[in-house]
N, C-alpha and C. Protein backbone atom coordinates (compact mmCIF):
# COMPACT_ATOMS: atom_id res chain seq x y z
N MET A 1 -204.42 -106.77 137.66
CA MET A 1 -203.60 -107.58 136.69
C MET A 1 -204.78 -107.85 135.61
N GLN A 2 -204.27 -107.75 134.24
CA GLN A 2 -205.14 -108.30 132.86
C GLN A 2 -205.60 -109.49 133.50
N LYS A 3 -206.43 -109.51 131.99
CA LYS A 3 -207.54 -111.25 132.15
C LYS A 3 -206.21 -111.88 132.11
N ILE A 4 -206.04 -113.70 132.51
CA ILE A 4 -205.57 -114.73 132.10
C ILE A 4 -205.42 -114.81 130.72
N ILE A 5 -204.14 -115.06 130.13
CA ILE A 5 -204.29 -115.28 128.61
C ILE A 5 -203.06 -116.92 128.97
N THR A 6 -203.27 -117.93 127.48
CA THR A 6 -202.60 -118.83 128.08
C THR A 6 -201.21 -118.76 127.04
N PHE A 7 -200.27 -119.72 127.54
CA PHE A 7 -198.87 -119.36 126.99
C PHE A 7 -199.23 -119.93 124.96
N GLU A 8 -200.43 -120.21 124.67
CA GLU A 8 -200.10 -120.00 123.48
C GLU A 8 -200.24 -118.59 122.65
N ASP A 9 -201.75 -118.16 123.67
CA ASP A 9 -201.23 -116.55 123.34
C ASP A 9 -200.47 -115.25 123.30
N PHE A 10 -199.33 -116.29 124.41
CA PHE A 10 -198.12 -115.27 124.40
C PHE A 10 -197.15 -115.55 123.58
N THR A 11 -197.18 -117.08 123.36
CA THR A 11 -196.35 -117.17 121.97
C THR A 11 -196.69 -116.41 120.91
N LYS A 12 -197.85 -115.82 120.51
CA LYS A 12 -198.56 -114.97 119.04
C LYS A 12 -197.42 -113.85 119.02
N VAL A 13 -196.84 -112.87 120.20
CA VAL A 13 -196.85 -112.40 120.78
C VAL A 13 -195.19 -111.97 120.17
N ASP A 14 -194.86 -111.60 119.08
CA ASP A 14 -193.01 -111.16 118.61
C ASP A 14 -192.07 -110.30 119.45
N LEU A 15 -191.99 -110.26 120.77
CA LEU A 15 -191.11 -109.19 121.24
C LEU A 15 -189.39 -109.28 120.49
N ARG A 16 -188.94 -108.19 119.89
CA ARG A 16 -187.44 -108.53 119.43
C ARG A 16 -186.45 -107.25 119.92
N VAL A 17 -185.55 -107.31 120.02
CA VAL A 17 -184.35 -106.21 120.47
C VAL A 17 -184.14 -105.90 119.36
N GLY A 18 -184.05 -104.04 119.15
CA GLY A 18 -183.46 -103.49 118.17
C GLY A 18 -182.73 -102.34 118.70
N THR A 19 -182.44 -101.51 118.09
CA THR A 19 -181.45 -100.81 118.31
C THR A 19 -182.12 -98.73 117.11
N ILE A 20 -182.44 -98.01 118.23
CA ILE A 20 -182.76 -96.93 117.32
C ILE A 20 -181.74 -96.29 116.79
N ILE A 21 -181.55 -95.76 115.56
CA ILE A 21 -181.16 -95.06 114.65
C ILE A 21 -181.10 -93.97 114.31
N GLU A 22 -182.93 -93.41 114.78
CA GLU A 22 -183.16 -92.27 115.00
C GLU A 22 -184.11 -92.14 115.49
N ALA A 23 -183.87 -90.84 116.24
CA ALA A 23 -185.23 -89.67 117.11
C ALA A 23 -185.33 -88.19 116.68
N ASN A 24 -186.70 -88.38 116.53
CA ASN A 24 -186.90 -86.75 115.48
C ASN A 24 -188.72 -86.51 116.28
N ASP A 25 -188.49 -85.10 117.32
CA ASP A 25 -189.67 -84.62 117.48
C ASP A 25 -190.84 -85.03 116.79
N PHE A 26 -192.42 -85.46 117.63
CA PHE A 26 -193.37 -85.44 116.85
C PHE A 26 -194.28 -84.99 117.60
N PRO A 27 -194.19 -83.11 116.56
CA PRO A 27 -195.17 -82.22 117.22
C PRO A 27 -196.43 -82.31 117.09
N ASN A 28 -197.16 -83.39 116.11
CA ASN A 28 -198.31 -83.44 115.84
C ASN A 28 -199.05 -84.19 116.48
N ALA A 29 -198.71 -84.89 118.11
CA ALA A 29 -198.82 -85.74 118.56
C ALA A 29 -199.39 -84.93 119.42
N ARG A 30 -200.93 -85.50 120.31
CA ARG A 30 -201.48 -85.18 120.83
C ARG A 30 -201.08 -85.06 122.43
N LYS A 31 -199.62 -86.47 122.90
CA LYS A 31 -199.05 -85.99 124.02
C LYS A 31 -197.82 -85.85 123.62
N PRO A 32 -196.92 -85.20 124.06
CA PRO A 32 -195.51 -85.13 123.99
C PRO A 32 -195.28 -86.69 123.36
N ALA A 33 -194.46 -86.83 122.45
CA ALA A 33 -193.50 -87.81 121.47
C ALA A 33 -192.85 -87.75 121.07
N TYR A 34 -191.82 -88.45 120.90
CA TYR A 34 -190.73 -89.01 119.48
C TYR A 34 -191.45 -89.66 118.56
N GLN A 35 -190.55 -89.75 117.20
CA GLN A 35 -190.50 -90.40 116.05
C GLN A 35 -189.57 -91.54 116.11
N LEU A 36 -189.48 -92.50 116.31
CA LEU A 36 -188.40 -93.29 116.41
C LEU A 36 -187.98 -94.13 115.24
N THR A 37 -186.50 -94.34 114.79
CA THR A 37 -186.92 -95.29 113.23
C THR A 37 -185.75 -96.16 114.03
N ILE A 38 -186.21 -97.86 114.15
CA ILE A 38 -186.05 -98.60 114.56
C ILE A 38 -184.95 -99.75 114.10
N ASP A 39 -183.60 -100.36 113.91
CA ASP A 39 -182.77 -101.47 113.16
C ASP A 39 -183.36 -102.58 113.78
N PHE A 40 -184.06 -103.67 113.64
CA PHE A 40 -184.59 -104.85 113.66
C PHE A 40 -183.52 -105.51 113.22
N GLY A 41 -182.60 -105.40 112.42
CA GLY A 41 -181.82 -106.41 111.78
C GLY A 41 -182.35 -106.56 110.40
N ASP A 42 -182.49 -108.49 110.14
CA ASP A 42 -183.07 -109.19 109.52
C ASP A 42 -184.48 -108.84 109.08
N LEU A 43 -185.24 -108.02 110.01
CA LEU A 43 -186.47 -107.51 109.85
C LEU A 43 -186.93 -106.70 109.45
N GLY A 44 -185.88 -105.62 109.41
CA GLY A 44 -185.55 -104.30 108.59
C GLY A 44 -185.52 -103.42 109.25
N ILE A 45 -186.19 -102.04 108.89
CA ILE A 45 -186.45 -100.84 109.78
C ILE A 45 -187.44 -100.92 110.11
N LYS A 46 -188.41 -100.14 111.40
CA LYS A 46 -189.13 -100.18 111.24
C LYS A 46 -189.79 -98.50 112.14
N LYS A 47 -190.40 -97.96 111.97
CA LYS A 47 -190.83 -96.48 112.96
C LYS A 47 -191.84 -96.81 114.09
N SER A 48 -191.73 -95.78 114.98
CA SER A 48 -192.61 -96.33 116.28
C SER A 48 -192.61 -94.85 116.19
N SER A 49 -193.92 -94.78 117.68
CA SER A 49 -194.14 -93.08 118.21
C SER A 49 -193.85 -93.46 119.25
N ALA A 50 -193.59 -92.95 120.46
CA ALA A 50 -192.87 -93.47 121.83
C ALA A 50 -193.09 -92.26 122.70
N GLN A 51 -193.90 -92.17 123.88
CA GLN A 51 -194.43 -90.88 124.89
C GLN A 51 -193.16 -91.19 125.72
N ILE A 52 -192.22 -91.27 125.43
CA ILE A 52 -190.58 -91.05 126.16
C ILE A 52 -189.85 -89.66 126.74
N THR A 53 -191.10 -88.42 126.15
CA THR A 53 -190.13 -87.48 126.15
C THR A 53 -189.74 -86.96 127.47
N ALA A 54 -190.54 -87.36 128.55
CA ALA A 54 -189.96 -86.59 129.99
C ALA A 54 -188.85 -87.05 130.92
N GLN A 55 -188.56 -88.80 130.08
CA GLN A 55 -186.88 -89.77 130.80
C GLN A 55 -186.32 -89.34 129.67
N TYR A 56 -186.47 -89.45 128.25
CA TYR A 56 -185.02 -88.93 127.45
C TYR A 56 -185.16 -88.24 126.05
N LYS A 57 -183.89 -87.16 126.33
CA LYS A 57 -183.59 -86.80 125.35
C LYS A 57 -183.36 -87.52 123.76
N LYS A 58 -183.74 -86.60 122.89
CA LYS A 58 -183.63 -87.80 121.40
C LYS A 58 -181.90 -88.39 121.36
N GLU A 59 -181.34 -87.23 121.69
CA GLU A 59 -179.62 -88.00 121.60
C GLU A 59 -179.02 -88.59 121.94
N ASP A 60 -179.50 -89.15 123.20
CA ASP A 60 -179.40 -90.13 124.21
C ASP A 60 -179.96 -91.65 123.88
N LEU A 61 -181.13 -91.46 122.66
CA LEU A 61 -181.26 -92.84 122.12
C LEU A 61 -180.65 -92.96 120.84
N VAL A 62 -180.67 -92.31 120.63
CA VAL A 62 -180.26 -92.89 119.09
C VAL A 62 -178.70 -94.12 119.94
N ASN A 63 -178.12 -95.34 119.14
CA ASN A 63 -177.64 -96.27 119.12
C ASN A 63 -177.95 -97.02 120.82
N ARG A 64 -179.29 -96.90 121.24
CA ARG A 64 -180.08 -97.51 122.32
C ARG A 64 -180.18 -98.58 121.87
N GLN A 65 -180.20 -99.73 122.44
CA GLN A 65 -181.22 -100.98 122.54
C GLN A 65 -182.48 -100.83 123.02
N ILE A 66 -183.58 -101.34 122.48
CA ILE A 66 -184.73 -101.13 123.46
C ILE A 66 -185.58 -102.81 123.09
N VAL A 67 -186.78 -103.19 123.91
CA VAL A 67 -187.53 -104.32 123.11
C VAL A 67 -188.67 -103.69 123.12
N ALA A 68 -189.27 -104.52 121.30
CA ALA A 68 -190.95 -103.50 120.98
C ALA A 68 -191.10 -104.84 120.59
N VAL A 69 -192.49 -104.98 120.15
CA VAL A 69 -192.97 -105.57 119.93
C VAL A 69 -193.80 -105.49 118.49
N VAL A 70 -193.01 -106.16 117.43
CA VAL A 70 -192.92 -106.07 115.62
C VAL A 70 -194.13 -106.85 115.56
N ASN A 71 -194.94 -107.69 115.53
CA ASN A 71 -196.01 -108.16 114.95
C ASN A 71 -197.43 -107.38 114.93
N PHE A 72 -197.75 -106.26 115.58
CA PHE A 72 -198.53 -105.49 115.66
C PHE A 72 -199.35 -104.91 114.04
N PRO A 73 -200.63 -104.92 113.77
CA PRO A 73 -200.58 -104.20 112.59
C PRO A 73 -200.43 -102.43 112.40
N GLN A 74 -200.04 -101.87 111.59
CA GLN A 74 -199.49 -100.61 112.00
C GLN A 74 -200.80 -99.85 112.28
N LYS A 75 -200.10 -98.48 113.20
CA LYS A 75 -200.91 -97.95 113.31
C LYS A 75 -200.92 -96.50 112.92
N GLN A 76 -202.05 -95.56 112.68
CA GLN A 76 -202.06 -94.04 112.15
C GLN A 76 -202.20 -93.44 113.58
N ILE A 77 -200.90 -92.68 114.06
CA ILE A 77 -201.15 -91.81 115.08
C ILE A 77 -200.78 -90.06 114.50
N ALA A 78 -201.67 -89.68 113.99
CA ALA A 78 -201.79 -88.15 113.68
C ALA A 78 -201.15 -88.19 112.02
N ASN A 79 -200.21 -88.08 111.47
CA ASN A 79 -199.39 -87.74 110.44
C ASN A 79 -198.76 -88.95 110.39
N PHE A 80 -198.20 -90.38 111.12
CA PHE A 80 -197.22 -91.00 111.31
C PHE A 80 -197.77 -92.52 111.27
N MET A 81 -197.42 -92.96 110.63
CA MET A 81 -197.28 -94.55 110.77
C MET A 81 -196.33 -95.21 111.69
N SER A 82 -196.89 -96.05 112.81
CA SER A 82 -196.46 -96.60 114.23
C SER A 82 -196.30 -97.84 113.33
N GLU A 83 -195.21 -98.60 113.57
CA GLU A 83 -195.17 -100.21 112.50
C GLU A 83 -194.74 -101.33 113.95
N CYS A 84 -194.55 -100.65 115.20
CA CYS A 84 -194.05 -101.38 116.10
C CYS A 84 -194.53 -100.75 117.27
N LEU A 85 -194.43 -101.75 118.74
CA LEU A 85 -194.82 -100.89 119.64
C LEU A 85 -193.56 -101.26 120.96
N VAL A 86 -192.90 -100.05 121.34
CA VAL A 86 -191.37 -100.11 122.33
C VAL A 86 -192.19 -100.21 123.72
N MET A 87 -191.56 -101.07 123.94
CA MET A 87 -191.70 -101.44 125.02
C MET A 87 -191.15 -100.77 126.32
N GLY A 88 -192.12 -100.70 127.10
CA GLY A 88 -191.29 -99.54 128.81
C GLY A 88 -192.31 -99.74 129.39
N ALA A 89 -191.57 -99.41 131.24
CA ALA A 89 -192.17 -99.77 132.52
C ALA A 89 -192.85 -98.73 133.08
N VAL A 90 -193.32 -98.40 133.65
CA VAL A 90 -194.30 -97.24 134.36
C VAL A 90 -194.06 -96.98 135.25
N LYS A 91 -193.48 -95.37 135.51
CA LYS A 91 -193.76 -95.54 137.49
C LYS A 91 -194.02 -93.97 137.27
N GLU A 92 -195.21 -93.83 137.98
CA GLU A 92 -195.85 -92.47 138.15
C GLU A 92 -195.79 -91.68 136.76
N ASN A 93 -196.30 -92.11 136.06
CA ASN A 93 -196.75 -91.76 134.53
C ASN A 93 -195.28 -91.27 133.66
N ASP A 94 -194.55 -91.66 134.04
CA ASP A 94 -193.35 -91.96 133.17
C ASP A 94 -193.09 -92.83 132.74
N VAL A 95 -192.44 -93.41 131.30
CA VAL A 95 -192.04 -94.80 130.92
C VAL A 95 -190.52 -94.65 130.84
N PHE A 96 -190.54 -95.98 130.85
CA PHE A 96 -188.57 -96.26 131.26
C PHE A 96 -188.78 -97.66 129.91
N LEU A 97 -187.89 -97.54 129.25
CA LEU A 97 -187.34 -98.55 127.98
C LEU A 97 -186.94 -99.43 128.80
N LEU A 98 -187.45 -100.77 128.04
CA LEU A 98 -187.11 -102.26 128.38
C LEU A 98 -186.27 -102.15 127.53
N HIS A 99 -185.34 -102.78 128.08
CA HIS A 99 -183.37 -103.35 127.00
C HIS A 99 -182.67 -104.30 127.60
N PRO A 100 -182.19 -104.88 126.28
CA PRO A 100 -181.12 -106.12 126.87
C PRO A 100 -179.90 -105.35 127.93
N GLN A 101 -179.22 -105.92 128.95
CA GLN A 101 -177.95 -105.62 130.00
C GLN A 101 -176.87 -105.76 128.87
N THR A 102 -177.14 -106.52 128.11
CA THR A 102 -175.92 -106.43 127.30
C THR A 102 -176.69 -106.79 125.64
N LYS A 103 -175.41 -105.83 124.83
CA LYS A 103 -175.70 -105.57 123.64
C LYS A 103 -176.02 -106.89 122.83
N VAL A 104 -176.88 -107.18 122.20
CA VAL A 104 -177.44 -108.53 121.35
C VAL A 104 -177.60 -108.17 119.84
N LYS A 105 -177.58 -109.25 119.51
CA LYS A 105 -178.01 -108.65 117.76
C LYS A 105 -179.42 -108.02 117.55
N ASN A 106 -179.14 -107.63 116.72
CA ASN A 106 -180.64 -106.56 116.55
C ASN A 106 -181.62 -107.78 115.64
N GLY A 107 -182.74 -107.71 116.23
CA GLY A 107 -183.86 -108.47 116.02
C GLY A 107 -183.64 -110.20 116.60
N ALA A 108 -182.82 -109.98 117.56
CA ALA A 108 -182.67 -111.37 118.48
C ALA A 108 -184.38 -111.30 119.25
N GLN A 109 -184.89 -112.13 119.44
CA GLN A 109 -185.86 -112.59 119.82
C GLN A 109 -186.07 -112.75 121.49
N VAL A 110 -187.01 -111.94 121.94
CA VAL A 110 -187.38 -112.01 123.77
C VAL A 110 -188.21 -113.16 123.51
N SER A 111 -187.79 -113.82 125.05
CA SER A 111 -188.86 -115.38 125.14
C SER A 111 -188.67 -115.28 126.65
């Protein structure tokens, strides 16, 4: 378990639902990854790099809703600027995307 945080700390993390509208190979990444373009509704379109190639094909990611942290600063990953952090659960070194059970509005806040 990580260090204990306060509820106030948690409220600073902005988790939102978005829909992947594009998934591309990321050949310049150190570990196999995709470059994702994600629609967060009123928050706009954001890009992210995700190491999910072992469990997902690009074509299966398009139109899939995901959960992401949208209020981190941008991060340079190789020649790509990541603007959000897609959330996933790790099982035996594979990442499985977190997603709502029912389709919700893009940009919906996770609480």
